[in-house]
Amino acid sequence: MFSSDSRNVAKPVRIALGALIIQAHCDYSDRELVQQVTENPYLQYFLGPKEYQLTRPFTSAILVKFCKRFPCKWLNKINERILAAETAQILQEQQESA
């Protein structure tokens, strides 16, 4: 939707949602989150890039926009679905091993 000359390129939903999940799970501030993602290849892999990047994938200021894209109600629903899927998988593995 944006021209290639524009710097206003939307971040993929995986980065936005993944950043919010990491931030909530690890209780990072916005600046800490950016620093941790920049330094940690495992966190970058979780966010979806194909290879490790030395540059920041996003700034701390853009996290405000990420929060607007995913209101608290949506994040709670997403967390509930993840938990339900994980619980179902554990139950299935227990039934198969019994």
Protein backbone atom coordinates (compact mmCIF):
# COMPACT_ATOMS: atom_id res chain seq x y z
CA MET A 1 0.00 0.00 0.00
CA PHE A 2 2.98 2.31 0.43
CA SER A 3 5.46 3.27 -2.23
CA SER A 4 8.89 1.68 -1.96
CA ASP A 5 10.39 5.14 -1.34
CA SER A 6 8.25 5.67 1.74
CA ARG A 7 9.53 4.76 5.19
CA ASN A 8 5.96 4.12 6.40
CA VAL A 9 5.95 0.38 5.88
CA ALA A 10 3.56 -1.56 8.10
CA LYS A 11 5.11 -4.22 10.33
CA PRO A 12 3.81 -7.77 9.90
CA VAL A 13 1.20 -8.91 12.39
CA ARG A 14 3.56 -11.64 13.61
CA ILE A 15 6.08 -9.02 14.75
CA ALA A 16 3.44 -6.87 16.42
CA LEU A 17 1.70 -9.70 18.24
CA GLY A 18 4.95 -11.51 19.03
CA ALA A 19 6.45 -8.38 20.55
CA LEU A 20 3.43 -7.92 22.79
CA ILE A 21 3.54 -11.58 23.86
CA ILE A 22 7.25 -11.35 24.72
CA GLN A 23 6.72 -8.09 26.57
CA ALA A 24 3.86 -9.50 28.65
CA HIS A 25 5.63 -12.80 29.35
CA CYS A 26 8.97 -11.27 30.37
CA ASP A 27 7.58 -8.06 31.90
CA TYR A 28 9.88 -5.83 29.83
CA SER A 29 9.48 -2.10 29.43
CA ASP A 30 9.25 -0.86 25.84
CA ARG A 31 12.96 0.01 25.71
CA GLU A 32 14.00 -3.26 27.36
CA LEU A 33 11.94 -5.21 24.85
CA VAL A 34 13.62 -3.55 21.88
CA GLN A 35 17.05 -4.17 23.41
CA GLN A 36 16.31 -7.83 24.22
CA VAL A 37 14.89 -8.55 20.75
CA THR A 38 17.87 -6.84 19.11
CA GLU A 39 20.37 -8.92 21.12
CA ASN A 40 18.59 -12.28 21.29
CA PRO A 41 18.37 -14.49 18.17
CA TYR A 42 15.73 -16.70 19.83
CA LEU A 43 13.37 -13.77 20.31
CA GLN A 44 13.99 -12.66 16.73
CA TYR A 45 13.20 -16.17 15.51
CA PHE A 46 9.93 -16.04 17.47
CA LEU A 47 9.04 -12.81 15.66
CA GLY A 48 9.60 -14.40 12.26
CA PRO A 49 12.65 -13.00 10.45
CA LYS A 50 14.41 -15.56 8.29
CA GLU A 51 17.84 -14.66 9.67
CA TYR A 52 19.41 -12.86 12.63
CA GLN A 53 19.51 -9.08 12.28
CA LEU A 54 21.95 -6.78 14.01
CA THR A 55 19.62 -3.80 13.62
CA ARG A 56 16.54 -3.12 15.71
CA PRO A 57 13.44 -4.71 14.14
CA PHE A 58 11.28 -1.90 15.58
CA THR A 59 11.54 1.09 17.92
CA SER A 60 10.09 1.49 21.37
CA ALA A 61 7.78 4.22 20.04
CA ILE A 62 6.09 1.80 17.62
CA LEU A 63 5.03 -0.47 20.49
CA VAL A 64 2.29 2.05 21.26
CA LYS A 65 0.91 1.43 17.77
CA PHE A 66 1.19 -2.33 18.32
CA CYS A 67 -0.92 -1.98 21.47
CA LYS A 68 -3.54 -0.05 19.51
CA ARG A 69 -3.64 -2.83 16.89
CA PHE A 70 -4.31 -5.43 19.59
CA PRO A 71 -6.66 -4.20 22.31
CA CYS A 72 -6.50 -5.98 25.66
CA LYS A 73 -9.68 -7.98 24.93
CA TRP A 74 -8.12 -9.41 21.77
CA LEU A 75 -4.91 -10.36 23.56
CA ASN A 76 -6.91 -12.14 26.25
CA LYS A 77 -8.84 -14.10 23.61
CA ILE A 78 -5.61 -15.01 21.81
CA ASN A 79 -4.05 -16.16 25.09
CA GLU A 80 -7.13 -18.26 25.88
CA ARG A 81 -6.96 -19.94 22.47
CA ILE A 82 -3.26 -20.67 22.85
CA LEU A 83 -3.87 -22.15 26.30
CA ALA A 84 -6.80 -24.25 25.06
CA ALA A 85 -4.76 -25.61 22.15
CA GLU A 86 -1.84 -26.46 24.43
CA THR A 87 -4.12 -28.16 26.94
CA ALA A 88 -5.78 -30.20 24.17
CA GLN A 89 -2.38 -31.28 22.85
CA ILE A 90 -1.21 -32.36 26.32
CA LEU A 91 -4.41 -34.34 26.88
CA GLN A 92 -4.06 -36.03 23.49
CA GLU A 93 -0.43 -36.99 24.22
CA GLN A 94 -1.45 -38.40 27.59
CA GLN A 95 -4.22 -40.47 26.00
CA GLU A 96 -1.87 -41.80 23.31
CA SER A 97 0.76 -42.80 25.85
CA ALA A 98 -1.76 -44.55 28.13
